[in-house]
């Protein structure tokens, strides 16, 4: 599905009704916007969160990324002393 949008004077875009319906968007829904190169990507927040959860699902539960980050920070701090 494709659409051409026109940027309004105040920087607003209107998402066409057929695209809102296809995505299940309703007034008041929050969208996540990010840049990929020179492209603007809009996605529902729950889809962005689900994608992040999917990435994290590859990390074994026995591994603590927080502990690893803290250890890296402590090492970096001790080297800088």
N, C-alpha and C. Protein backbone atom coordinates (compact mmCIF):
# COMPACT_ATOMS: atom_id res chain seq x y z
N UNK A 1 0.85 -1.16 0.00
CA UNK A 1 0.00 0.00 0.00
C UNK A 1 0.90 1.23 0.00
N UNK A 2 0.63 2.18 -0.86
CA UNK A 2 1.41 3.40 -0.99
C UNK A 2 0.52 4.62 -0.86
N UNK A 3 1.09 5.72 -0.45
CA UNK A 3 0.36 6.98 -0.37
C UNK A 3 1.35 8.12 -0.51
N UNK A 4 0.88 9.23 -1.01
CA UNK A 4 1.67 10.44 -1.08
C UNK A 4 1.09 11.41 -0.07
N UNK A 5 1.94 11.93 0.80
CA UNK A 5 1.50 12.86 1.83
C UNK A 5 2.03 14.25 1.52
N UNK A 6 1.29 15.25 1.96
CA UNK A 6 1.71 16.64 1.79
C UNK A 6 1.99 17.21 3.16
N UNK A 7 3.17 17.79 3.32
CA UNK A 7 3.55 18.40 4.58
C UNK A 7 2.85 19.74 4.72
N UNK A 8 2.08 19.89 5.80
CA UNK A 8 1.35 21.13 6.04
C UNK A 8 2.27 22.24 6.50
N UNK A 9 1.74 23.46 6.56
CA UNK A 9 2.55 24.62 6.92
C UNK A 9 3.13 24.50 8.33
N UNK A 10 2.46 23.81 9.22
CA UNK A 10 2.97 23.65 10.58
C UNK A 10 3.73 22.33 10.75
N UNK A 11 4.11 21.70 9.64
CA UNK A 11 4.89 20.48 9.70
C UNK A 11 4.07 19.23 9.96
N UNK A 12 2.76 19.31 9.79
CA UNK A 12 1.88 18.17 10.08
C UNK A 12 1.64 17.34 8.83
N UNK A 13 1.54 16.03 9.07
CA UNK A 13 1.19 15.08 8.02
C UNK A 13 -0.13 14.42 8.39
N UNK A 14 -0.93 14.12 7.39
CA UNK A 14 -2.17 13.38 7.62
C UNK A 14 -1.98 12.00 7.00
N UNK A 15 -2.16 10.97 7.82
CA UNK A 15 -2.06 9.60 7.34
C UNK A 15 -3.41 9.24 6.73
N UNK A 16 -3.44 8.83 5.47
CA UNK A 16 -4.71 8.52 4.81
C UNK A 16 -5.51 7.45 5.57
N UNK A 17 -6.83 7.57 5.50
CA UNK A 17 -7.74 6.68 6.23
C UNK A 17 -7.49 5.21 5.93
N UNK A 18 -7.23 4.87 4.68
CA UNK A 18 -7.04 3.44 4.34
C UNK A 18 -5.78 2.88 4.98
N UNK A 19 -4.76 3.71 5.14
CA UNK A 19 -3.53 3.24 5.81
C UNK A 19 -3.76 3.14 7.31
N UNK A 20 -4.46 4.12 7.89
CA UNK A 20 -4.79 4.04 9.32
C UNK A 20 -5.60 2.79 9.61
N UNK A 21 -6.55 2.49 8.74
CA UNK A 21 -7.38 1.29 8.94
C UNK A 21 -6.55 0.02 8.82
N UNK A 22 -5.65 -0.03 7.85
CA UNK A 22 -4.82 -1.23 7.64
C UNK A 22 -3.92 -1.48 8.84
N UNK A 23 -3.48 -0.41 9.50
CA UNK A 23 -2.59 -0.53 10.66
C UNK A 23 -3.34 -0.58 11.98
N UNK A 24 -4.65 -0.38 11.92
CA UNK A 24 -5.44 -0.39 13.14
C UNK A 24 -5.18 0.84 14.00
N UNK A 25 -4.89 1.97 13.37
CA UNK A 25 -4.60 3.20 14.11
C UNK A 25 -5.89 3.95 14.43
N UNK A 26 -5.90 4.57 15.60
CA UNK A 26 -7.06 5.35 16.03
C UNK A 26 -6.55 6.69 16.56
N UNK A 27 -7.43 7.70 16.58
CA UNK A 27 -7.01 8.99 17.13
C UNK A 27 -6.44 8.82 18.55
N UNK A 28 -5.34 9.50 18.81
CA UNK A 28 -4.70 9.42 20.11
C UNK A 28 -3.61 8.36 20.19
N UNK A 29 -3.54 7.45 19.21
CA UNK A 29 -2.48 6.44 19.21
C UNK A 29 -1.12 7.13 19.09
N UNK A 30 -0.13 6.57 19.75
CA UNK A 30 1.22 7.12 19.68
C UNK A 30 2.04 6.31 18.68
N UNK A 31 2.81 7.02 17.88
CA UNK A 31 3.67 6.39 16.90
C UNK A 31 5.12 6.72 17.21
N UNK A 32 5.99 5.79 16.91
CA UNK A 32 7.43 5.98 17.08
C UNK A 32 7.99 6.39 15.72
N UNK A 33 8.76 7.48 15.67
CA UNK A 33 9.37 7.95 14.43
C UNK A 33 10.88 7.83 14.57
N UNK A 34 11.52 7.26 13.57
CA UNK A 34 12.98 7.25 13.56
C UNK A 34 13.48 7.37 12.13
N UNK A 35 14.72 7.81 12.03
CA UNK A 35 15.34 7.99 10.72
C UNK A 35 16.21 6.79 10.40
N UNK A 36 16.11 6.35 9.15
CA UNK A 36 16.97 5.30 8.62
C UNK A 36 17.59 5.90 7.37
N UNK A 37 18.82 6.38 7.52
CA UNK A 37 19.42 7.13 6.41
C UNK A 37 18.62 8.40 6.20
N UNK A 38 18.11 8.57 4.99
CA UNK A 38 17.28 9.73 4.68
C UNK A 38 15.80 9.36 4.64
N UNK A 39 15.44 8.26 5.26
CA UNK A 39 14.05 7.81 5.29
C UNK A 39 13.47 8.03 6.67
N UNK A 40 12.19 8.36 6.69
CA UNK A 40 11.46 8.51 7.94
C UNK A 40 10.61 7.25 8.11
N UNK A 41 10.73 6.61 9.25
CA UNK A 41 9.96 5.40 9.53
C UNK A 41 9.04 5.69 10.71
N UNK A 42 7.76 5.44 10.51
CA UNK A 42 6.76 5.57 11.57
C UNK A 42 6.26 4.19 11.90
N UNK A 43 6.17 3.86 13.17
CA UNK A 43 5.61 2.57 13.56
C UNK A 43 4.87 2.71 14.88
N UNK A 44 3.91 1.84 15.06
CA UNK A 44 3.17 1.85 16.32
C UNK A 44 4.15 1.51 17.43
N UNK A 45 3.97 2.14 18.58
CA UNK A 45 4.89 1.91 19.70
C UNK A 45 4.91 0.44 20.09
N UNK A 46 3.74 -0.22 20.08
CA UNK A 46 3.72 -1.63 20.48
C UNK A 46 4.50 -2.49 19.49
N UNK A 47 4.54 -2.11 18.21
CA UNK A 47 5.32 -2.87 17.24
C UNK A 47 6.81 -2.67 17.47
N UNK A 48 7.20 -1.43 17.79
CA UNK A 48 8.62 -1.14 18.09
C UNK A 48 9.05 -1.91 19.33
N UNK A 49 8.19 -1.92 20.36
CA UNK A 49 8.52 -2.64 21.60
C UNK A 49 8.61 -4.14 21.34
N UNK A 50 7.71 -4.67 20.53
CA UNK A 50 7.73 -6.10 20.22
C UNK A 50 9.01 -6.47 19.47
N UNK A 51 9.45 -5.59 18.59
CA UNK A 51 10.69 -5.85 17.86
C UNK A 51 11.88 -5.89 18.82
N UNK A 52 11.92 -4.96 19.77
CA UNK A 52 13.01 -4.96 20.76
C UNK A 52 12.96 -6.20 21.63
N UNK A 53 11.75 -6.60 22.03
CA UNK A 53 11.64 -7.83 22.83
C UNK A 53 12.15 -9.03 22.04
N UNK A 54 11.87 -9.04 20.75
CA UNK A 54 12.35 -10.13 19.90
C UNK A 54 13.86 -10.19 19.85
N UNK A 55 14.50 -9.02 19.78
CA UNK A 55 15.97 -8.98 19.79
C UNK A 55 16.51 -9.49 21.12
N UNK A 56 15.87 -9.10 22.21
CA UNK A 56 16.32 -9.52 23.53
C UNK A 56 16.06 -11.00 23.78
N UNK A 57 15.13 -11.59 23.06
CA UNK A 57 14.81 -13.00 23.30
C UNK A 57 15.96 -13.91 22.91
N UNK A 58 16.90 -13.41 22.13
CA UNK A 58 18.06 -14.20 21.72
C UNK A 58 19.12 -14.28 22.82
N UNK A 59 18.97 -13.45 23.85
CA UNK A 59 19.94 -13.43 24.95
C UNK A 59 19.50 -14.46 26.00
N UNK A 60 20.36 -15.40 26.34
CA UNK A 60 19.98 -16.40 27.34
C UNK A 60 19.63 -15.75 28.68
N UNK A 61 18.65 -16.27 29.36
CA UNK A 61 18.23 -15.69 30.64
C UNK A 61 19.32 -15.77 31.70
N UNK A 62 20.26 -16.69 31.53
CA UNK A 62 21.36 -16.82 32.50
C UNK A 62 22.39 -15.69 32.34
N UNK A 63 22.32 -14.94 31.25
CA UNK A 63 23.27 -13.86 30.98
C UNK A 63 22.68 -12.54 31.47
N UNK A 64 23.44 -11.78 32.22
CA UNK A 64 22.99 -10.48 32.72
C UNK A 64 23.71 -9.37 31.95
N UNK A 65 22.99 -8.73 31.05
CA UNK A 65 23.59 -7.64 30.29
C UNK A 65 23.89 -6.45 31.20
N UNK A 66 23.10 -6.27 32.24
CA UNK A 66 23.34 -5.19 33.20
C UNK A 66 24.67 -5.42 33.91
N UNK A 67 24.89 -6.66 34.38
CA UNK A 67 26.16 -6.97 35.05
C UNK A 67 27.34 -6.77 34.11
N UNK A 68 27.18 -7.17 32.85
CA UNK A 68 28.26 -6.99 31.88
C UNK A 68 28.56 -5.52 31.65
N UNK A 69 27.52 -4.70 31.54
CA UNK A 69 27.71 -3.26 31.35
C UNK A 69 28.39 -2.63 32.55
N UNK A 70 27.96 -3.00 33.74
CA UNK A 70 28.59 -2.47 34.96
C UNK A 70 30.06 -2.85 35.02
N UNK A 71 30.37 -4.09 34.69
CA UNK A 71 31.77 -4.55 34.71
C UNK A 71 32.60 -3.75 33.71
N UNK A 72 32.04 -3.49 32.51
CA UNK A 72 32.75 -2.69 31.51
C UNK A 72 32.99 -1.28 32.01
N UNK A 73 31.98 -0.68 32.62
CA UNK A 73 32.11 0.70 33.14
C UNK A 73 33.13 0.77 34.26
N UNK A 74 33.12 -0.23 35.14
CA UNK A 74 34.10 -0.24 36.24
C UNK A 74 35.52 -0.38 35.70
N UNK A 75 35.68 -1.24 34.72
CA UNK A 75 37.00 -1.42 34.11
C UNK A 75 37.46 -0.13 33.45
N UNK A 76 36.59 0.52 32.72
CA UNK A 76 36.94 1.77 32.06
C UNK A 76 37.28 2.84 33.08
N UNK A 77 36.56 2.89 34.19
CA UNK A 77 36.83 3.88 35.24
C UNK A 77 38.16 3.62 35.90
N UNK A 78 38.51 2.35 36.11
CA UNK A 78 39.77 2.02 36.77
C UNK A 78 40.96 2.29 35.87
N UNK A 79 40.79 2.15 34.57
CA UNK A 79 41.87 2.43 33.62
C UNK A 79 42.13 3.93 33.54
N UNK A 80 41.06 4.71 33.69
CA UNK A 80 41.20 6.17 33.59
C UNK A 80 41.77 6.82 34.84
N UNK A 81 41.93 6.09 35.92
CA UNK A 81 42.43 6.67 37.19
C UNK A 81 43.92 6.90 37.15
